[in-house]
Amino acid sequence: MSAVIEIEGLRKTFHGPYRSRQVAVDGFDLLVGRGEIHGFLGPNGSGKTTTLRALLGLVRADAGRMRLFGEDVPHRSAAVAGRVGAIVETPQFFGNFTGHRTLRLLALAGGVPTRRVDEVLDQVGLRGRGDDEVKGYSLGMRQRLAVASALLKEPELLILDEPANGLDPAGIREMRDLMRDLAAAGATVLLSSHILGEIQLICDHVTIISRGRRVAAGPVEGVLAGHDQHEWRVGVPEQGRAAELLRRAGLPVDEYAEHLVVGGVSDVGELSRLLGEQGLWVRELVPLRPDLESVFLELTDDGAERPELVDEPAPADAGEGRLIDLDVTVGDDPEARA
């Protein structure tokens, strides 16, 4: 599968207090294949949004290499501009414009046929509210409008930062279905979200960033399998005797009021046989598999991010880059404040 996004050794620092430098991204790598729905996860302050901004040319990286569709960016951004749509952080719109007018102006500015306005409003579930002023929109409706703006050019790559922000459960499900429809039609989606259950449901692959560094990457099931402790919940009479028997067999056991949790079980049949031979007949035997939330918290130290401050001179080319001509909707970046 060919790569749509390639990031190698990305590094970005910002000015900190007392002439220090705040390391936001530190040697980060990311690979997203064509047609994937790829989850990009990290706690607040981990460097996630800074990475997206660097990829889109909104900040200038200090070091590293980035490519979109095989083209080096930001130097060759013009070659891929029409193929990428993105929203980064909380979207900002003119409150006294209607949703329809907002998208129409964006379409005209981007050379997109205005017929796309009604199409994208329908895609994101705003067709009936397109003539309402944006200042009357809820947070979830503004988020839908931002996604609609990113879809105007029918992009091959869609980069979405917290697209479900402010959506109710029905809206989250609609957004999930939209992402799946886009991927089925051949688009690639890079999806950043704190709703880890949704990421596990919808994404093929996942990359987790913590303290500016990649801490996990790969197919979702593979990442989860790498943290599987082979634990089972066991319901059995005479729990105390059963626990002692299993410990003598070399298995770690935790005792709870109604069940045991037994780890390191490579052969569940052997576990059942061991208990049954002692007259301890199993009435409950349930595998305990890790979910994305538990793995995420383990890898990111419960999200306790502490950006590193280092005393070093600013690189000669450090600073903010120009806004490249991509279909990008942006808001404030708290990671970029120093």
Protein backbone atom coordinates (compact mmCIF):
# COMPACT_ATOMS: atom_id res chain seq x y z
CA MET A 1 0.00 0.00 0.00
CA SER A 2 1.51 3.34 -1.06
CA ALA A 3 2.00 6.04 1.56
CA VAL A 4 -0.09 9.21 1.51
CA ILE A 5 1.56 10.80 4.58
CA GLU A 6 5.21 10.28 5.50
CA ILE A 7 6.84 12.08 8.42
CA GLU A 8 10.40 11.25 9.45
CA GLY A 9 12.28 12.72 12.39
CA LEU A 10 10.01 15.74 12.82
CA ARG A 11 11.20 18.19 15.46
CA LYS A 12 9.62 21.48 16.51
CA THR A 13 10.40 23.74 19.45
CA PHE A 14 8.88 27.01 20.65
CA HIS A 15 10.23 29.86 22.75
CA GLY A 16 9.74 29.25 26.46
CA PRO A 17 10.28 31.51 29.48
CA TYR A 18 13.73 32.82 30.37
CA ARG A 19 15.21 32.09 26.92
CA SER A 20 14.42 28.40 27.17
CA ARG A 21 13.01 26.33 24.31
CA GLN A 22 9.87 24.23 24.67
CA VAL A 23 10.12 20.94 22.80
CA ALA A 24 6.72 20.20 21.21
CA VAL A 25 7.73 17.43 18.78
CA ASP A 26 10.94 15.44 19.17
CA GLY A 27 11.97 13.11 16.33
CA PHE A 28 8.43 12.01 15.49
CA ASP A 29 7.61 9.53 12.68
CA LEU A 30 4.24 8.91 11.04
CA LEU A 31 3.24 6.73 8.09
CA VAL A 32 -0.31 6.68 6.69
CA GLY A 33 -1.17 4.36 3.81
CA ARG A 34 -3.58 5.11 0.99
CA GLY A 35 -7.22 4.32 1.80
CA GLU A 36 -6.66 4.02 5.57
CA ILE A 37 -8.68 5.57 8.34
CA HIS A 38 -5.73 6.29 10.60
CA GLY A 39 -6.16 7.35 14.22
CA PHE A 40 -3.66 9.89 15.56
CA LEU A 41 -3.79 9.93 19.35
CA GLY A 42 -2.06 11.83 22.11
CA PRO A 43 -2.82 13.63 25.38
CA ASN A 44 -3.16 17.40 25.46
CA GLY A 45 0.28 18.92 25.02
CA SER A 46 1.77 15.80 23.44
CA GLY A 47 2.65 17.50 20.14
CA LYS A 48 -0.25 16.13 18.14
CA THR A 49 -1.69 19.42 16.89
CA THR A 50 1.79 20.86 16.30
CA THR A 51 2.54 17.87 14.08
CA LEU A 52 -0.59 18.49 12.02
CA ARG A 53 0.20 22.19 11.73
CA ALA A 54 3.75 21.46 10.58
CA LEU A 55 2.47 18.97 7.99
CA LEU A 56 0.05 21.58 6.64
CA GLY A 57 2.61 24.39 6.59
CA LEU A 58 1.04 26.37 9.43
CA VAL A 59 4.24 26.25 11.49
CA ARG A 60 7.79 25.71 10.30
CA ALA A 61 9.51 22.57 11.53
CA ASP A 62 13.04 22.79 12.91
CA ALA A 63 14.07 19.42 11.49
CA GLY A 64 12.72 16.35 9.78
CA ARG A 65 11.16 15.42 6.47
CA MET A 66 7.47 15.41 5.51
CA ARG A 67 5.79 14.18 2.35
CA LEU A 68 2.20 14.20 1.07
CA PHE A 69 1.46 11.91 -1.87
CA GLY A 70 5.22 11.55 -2.30
CA GLU A 71 5.80 15.32 -2.55
CA ASP A 72 8.04 17.09 -0.04
CA VAL A 73 6.09 19.63 1.98
CA PRO A 74 5.93 22.49 2.54
CA HIS A 75 8.24 23.09 -0.47
CA ARG A 76 5.98 21.22 -2.89
CA SER A 77 2.67 21.98 -1.19
CA ALA A 78 1.23 23.61 -4.32
CA ALA A 79 1.48 20.27 -6.13
CA VAL A 80 -0.86 18.57 -3.63
CA ALA A 81 -3.02 21.48 -2.46
CA GLY A 82 -6.13 20.39 -4.34
CA ARG A 83 -5.91 16.86 -2.95
CA VAL A 84 -5.96 17.72 0.78
CA GLY A 85 -8.71 19.00 3.06
CA ALA A 86 -8.22 19.62 6.77
CA ILE A 87 -9.58 21.12 9.95
CA VAL A 88 -7.23 21.87 12.83
CA GLU A 89 -8.42 22.84 16.32
CA THR A 90 -11.69 24.69 16.95
CA PRO A 91 -13.07 26.13 13.69
CA GLN A 92 -13.59 29.89 13.38
CA PHE A 93 -16.28 31.44 11.14
CA PHE A 94 -17.98 34.82 10.69
CA GLY A 95 -21.04 34.65 12.92
CA ASN A 96 -23.27 36.85 10.75
CA PHE A 97 -22.74 34.68 7.65
CA THR A 98 -25.04 31.76 6.99
CA GLY A 99 -23.56 28.31 6.67
CA HIS A 100 -24.43 28.30 2.97
CA ARG A 101 -22.78 31.69 2.37
CA THR A 102 -19.68 30.64 4.29
CA LEU A 103 -19.20 27.56 2.15
CA ARG A 104 -20.06 29.40 -1.07
CA LEU A 105 -17.34 31.98 -0.41
CA LEU A 106 -14.84 29.22 0.37
CA ALA A 107 -15.84 27.39 -2.82
CA LEU A 108 -15.40 30.52 -4.95
CA ALA A 109 -12.04 31.27 -3.34
CA GLY A 110 -10.85 27.73 -3.99
CA GLY A 111 -12.16 27.42 -7.53
CA VAL A 112 -14.68 24.78 -6.51
CA PRO A 113 -18.06 24.50 -8.31
CA THR A 114 -20.71 26.06 -6.06
CA ARG A 115 -22.93 23.01 -6.54
CA ARG A 116 -20.63 21.36 -4.00
CA VAL A 117 -22.03 23.59 -1.25
CA ASP A 118 -25.39 21.83 -1.05
CA GLU A 119 -23.71 18.46 -1.48
CA VAL A 120 -21.37 18.88 1.49
CA LEU A 121 -24.10 20.42 3.66
CA ASP A 122 -26.10 17.27 3.00
CA GLN A 123 -23.09 15.04 3.73
CA VAL A 124 -22.60 16.52 7.20
CA GLY A 125 -26.30 16.77 8.09
CA LEU A 126 -26.69 20.56 7.81
CA ARG A 127 -28.83 20.89 4.68
CA GLY A 128 -31.82 22.12 6.67
CA ARG A 129 -29.73 24.68 8.56
CA GLY A 130 -27.66 26.09 5.71
CA ASP A 131 -29.63 29.37 5.64
CA ASP A 132 -29.17 29.99 9.38
CA GLU A 133 -26.50 32.38 10.62
CA VAL A 134 -23.44 30.65 12.03
CA LYS A 135 -23.68 32.61 15.31
CA GLY A 136 -26.82 30.59 16.04
CA TYR A 137 -25.05 27.27 15.50
CA SER A 138 -24.20 25.00 18.39
CA LEU A 139 -20.62 23.78 18.85
CA GLY A 140 -21.51 20.52 17.14
CA MET A 141 -23.06 22.34 14.17
CA ARG A 142 -19.95 24.52 13.79
CA GLN A 143 -17.89 21.35 13.79
CA ARG A 144 -20.09 19.91 11.03
CA LEU A 145 -19.63 23.13 9.06
CA ALA A 146 -15.86 22.84 9.42
CA VAL A 147 -15.93 19.28 8.12
CA ALA A 148 -18.11 20.45 5.23
CA SER A 149 -15.52 23.11 4.36
CA ALA A 150 -12.80 20.45 4.31
CA LEU A 151 -14.90 18.31 1.95
CA LEU A 152 -15.55 21.01 -0.65
CA LYS A 153 -12.68 19.99 -2.94
CA GLU A 154 -13.55 16.27 -2.68
CA PRO A 155 -10.09 15.68 -1.20
CA GLU A 156 -8.18 12.45 -1.51
CA LEU A 157 -6.75 13.07 1.97
CA LEU A 158 -8.86 14.40 4.82
CA ILE A 159 -7.12 15.50 8.03
CA LEU A 160 -9.56 16.01 10.89
CA ASP A 161 -8.63 17.26 14.36
CA GLU A 162 -11.39 16.36 16.87
CA PRO A 163 -14.23 16.26 14.30
CA ALA A 164 -16.69 14.88 16.88
CA ASN A 165 -16.15 17.79 19.28
CA GLY A 166 -19.56 18.99 20.51
CA LEU A 167 -21.54 16.26 18.73
CA ASP A 168 -24.21 14.25 20.49
CA PRO A 169 -24.17 10.42 20.23
CA ALA A 170 -26.27 10.45 17.06
CA GLY A 171 -23.96 13.03 15.51
CA ILE A 172 -20.90 10.99 16.45
CA ARG A 173 -22.41 7.96 14.73
CA GLU A 174 -23.17 10.04 11.62
CA MET A 175 -19.58 11.30 11.56
CA ARG A 176 -18.35 7.73 11.90
CA ASP A 177 -20.50 6.65 8.96
CA LEU A 178 -19.24 9.59 6.91
CA MET A 179 -15.62 8.62 7.53
CA ARG A 180 -16.35 5.05 6.48
CA ASP A 181 -18.14 6.21 3.33
CA LEU A 182 -15.20 8.43 2.38
CA ALA A 183 -12.71 5.60 2.91
CA ALA A 184 -14.90 3.21 0.91
CA ALA A 185 -14.83 5.73 -1.94
CA GLY A 186 -11.01 5.69 -1.88
CA ALA A 187 -10.17 8.64 0.36
CA THR A 188 -7.57 8.53 3.13
CA VAL A 189 -8.54 9.90 6.54
CA LEU A 190 -6.19 10.98 9.33
CA LEU A 191 -8.36 11.32 12.39
CA SER A 192 -7.29 12.88 15.69
CA SER A 193 -9.70 12.39 18.58
CA HIS A 194 -9.91 11.92 22.33
CA ILE A 195 -12.94 9.63 21.92
CA LEU A 196 -10.89 6.46 22.01
CA GLY A 197 -13.84 4.12 21.70
CA GLU A 198 -14.67 5.72 18.36
CA ILE A 199 -11.08 5.41 17.17
CA GLN A 200 -11.11 1.71 18.02
CA LEU A 201 -14.39 1.25 16.15
CA ILE A 202 -13.53 3.12 12.98
CA CYS A 203 -9.77 3.13 12.43
CA ASP A 204 -7.63 0.56 10.60
CA HIS A 205 -4.34 1.82 12.00
CA VAL A 206 -3.31 4.03 14.89
CA THR A 207 -0.31 6.11 15.92
CA ILE A 208 0.11 7.29 19.52
CA ILE A 209 2.30 10.25 20.42
CA SER A 210 3.45 11.19 23.92
CA ARG A 211 5.85 13.97 24.92
CA GLY A 212 6.54 14.65 21.26
CA ARG A 213 7.63 11.09 20.48
CA ARG A 214 5.88 8.14 18.88
CA VAL A 215 5.16 5.44 21.44
CA ALA A 216 3.03 3.04 19.35
CA ALA A 217 2.02 2.55 15.73
CA GLY A 218 0.41 -0.14 13.63
CA PRO A 219 -2.91 -1.87 13.00
CA VAL A 220 -5.29 -1.28 15.88
CA GLU A 221 -5.61 -5.00 16.65
CA GLY A 222 -1.83 -5.38 16.56
CA VAL A 223 -1.29 -2.52 19.01
CA LEU A 224 -3.87 -4.02 21.36
CA ALA A 225 -2.43 -7.52 21.03
CA GLY A 226 0.98 -6.21 22.04
CA HIS A 227 -0.48 -5.26 25.42
CA ASP A 228 -2.57 -8.38 25.98
CA GLN A 229 -1.71 -9.90 29.37
CA HIS A 230 -3.68 -13.07 28.56
CA GLU A 231 -5.95 -12.50 31.52
CA TRP A 232 -9.22 -14.34 32.20
CA ARG A 233 -12.05 -13.67 34.60
CA VAL A 234 -12.79 -16.96 36.34
CA GLY A 235 -15.92 -17.72 38.34
CA VAL A 236 -15.41 -20.77 40.49
CA PRO A 237 -16.59 -22.10 43.87
CA GLU A 238 -14.14 -22.06 46.78
CA GLN A 239 -12.26 -19.11 45.37
CA GLY A 240 -9.57 -19.18 48.02
CA ARG A 241 -8.65 -22.81 47.32
CA ALA A 242 -8.80 -22.19 43.55
CA ALA A 243 -6.55 -19.15 43.84
CA GLU A 244 -3.96 -21.07 45.86
CA LEU A 245 -4.02 -23.94 43.37
CA LEU A 246 -3.45 -21.59 40.42
CA ARG A 247 -0.65 -19.73 42.21
CA ARG A 248 1.13 -23.04 42.85
CA ALA A 249 0.88 -23.62 39.10
CA GLY A 250 2.79 -20.37 38.57
CA LEU A 251 -0.09 -18.16 37.47
CA PRO A 252 -0.66 -14.63 38.84
CA VAL A 253 -4.08 -14.40 40.50
CA ASP A 254 -6.10 -11.43 41.80
CA GLU A 255 -9.07 -12.20 44.03
CA TYR A 256 -12.36 -10.25 43.88
CA ALA A 257 -15.69 -10.71 45.63
CA GLU A 258 -17.35 -12.71 42.86
CA HIS A 259 -14.47 -13.92 40.68
CA LEU A 260 -10.74 -14.34 40.14
CA VAL A 261 -8.60 -12.64 37.51
CA VAL A 262 -5.90 -15.01 36.29
CA GLY A 263 -3.04 -13.77 34.12
CA GLY A 264 -0.50 -15.43 31.86
CA VAL A 265 -2.98 -18.01 30.56
CA SER A 266 -1.61 -19.43 27.30
CA ASP A 267 -3.95 -22.45 27.25
CA VAL A 268 -7.39 -21.85 28.76
CA GLY A 269 -8.20 -25.56 28.42
CA GLU A 270 -5.31 -26.37 30.73
CA LEU A 271 -6.64 -23.82 33.24
CA SER A 272 -10.07 -25.45 33.20
CA ARG A 273 -8.57 -28.94 33.50
CA LEU A 274 -6.35 -27.93 36.42
CA LEU A 275 -9.35 -26.69 38.39
CA GLY A 276 -11.68 -29.50 37.34
CA GLU A 277 -9.30 -32.21 38.52
CA GLN A 278 -9.64 -30.76 42.02
CA GLY A 279 -13.42 -30.65 41.84
CA LEU A 280 -13.48 -26.91 41.23
CA TRP A 281 -15.87 -26.64 38.31
CA VAL A 282 -15.68 -23.38 36.40
CA ARG A 283 -18.99 -21.53 36.04
CA GLU A 284 -17.57 -18.43 34.33
CA LEU A 285 -14.59 -18.08 32.01
CA VAL A 286 -14.26 -14.71 30.19
CA PRO A 287 -11.20 -13.35 28.36
CA LEU A 288 -10.12 -9.86 29.46
CA ARG A 289 -8.74 -8.14 26.40
CA PRO A 290 -7.17 -4.67 26.47
CA ASP A 291 -9.06 -1.82 24.83
CA LEU A 292 -7.55 1.24 23.22
CA GLU A 293 -8.25 3.43 26.24
CA SER A 294 -6.30 1.22 28.64
CA VAL A 295 -3.38 0.90 26.21
CA PHE A 296 -3.39 4.65 25.58
CA LEU A 297 -3.28 5.46 29.29
CA GLU A 298 -0.51 2.94 29.87
CA LEU A 299 1.64 4.32 27.06
CA THR A 300 1.10 7.98 27.91
CA ASP A 301 1.44 7.70 31.69
CA ASP A 302 -2.24 8.50 32.24
CA GLY A 303 -1.88 11.56 30.03
CA ALA A 304 0.44 13.38 32.46
CA GLU A 305 2.27 15.42 29.85
CA ARG A 306 5.15 17.66 30.94
CA PRO A 307 6.66 19.45 27.92
CA GLU A 308 10.44 19.44 28.17
CA LEU A 309 12.22 22.78 28.54
CA VAL A 310 15.77 22.95 27.24
CA ASP A 311 18.22 25.85 27.11
CA GLU A 312 19.37 26.09 23.52
CA PRO A 313 19.65 28.80 20.88
CA ALA A 314 16.81 29.15 18.44
CA PRO A 315 17.53 27.64 14.97
CA ALA A 316 18.25 30.20 12.30
CA ASP A 317 15.06 29.36 10.41
CA ALA A 318 12.83 28.96 13.46
CA GLY A 319 9.51 30.72 13.40
CA GLU A 320 6.07 30.45 11.96
CA GLY A 321 5.66 29.30 8.38
CA ARG A 322 3.21 30.69 5.86
CA LEU A 323 -0.29 29.31 5.39
CA ILE A 324 0.00 27.03 2.37
CA ASP A 325 -2.79 26.87 -0.17
CA LEU A 326 -4.55 23.83 1.22
CA ASP A 327 -8.22 23.60 2.10
CA VAL A 328 -7.59 24.11 5.81
CA THR A 329 -9.80 25.45 8.58
CA VAL A 330 -7.84 26.34 11.71
CA GLY A 331 -8.36 27.68 15.19
CA ASP A 332 -6.18 28.46 18.20
CA ASP A 333 -3.28 26.10 18.91
CA PRO A 334 -2.62 25.92 22.66
CA GLU A 335 0.49 23.80 21.99
CA ALA A 336 2.05 26.70 20.10
CA ARG A 337 1.76 29.17 22.96
CA ALA A 338 4.90 29.86 24.90
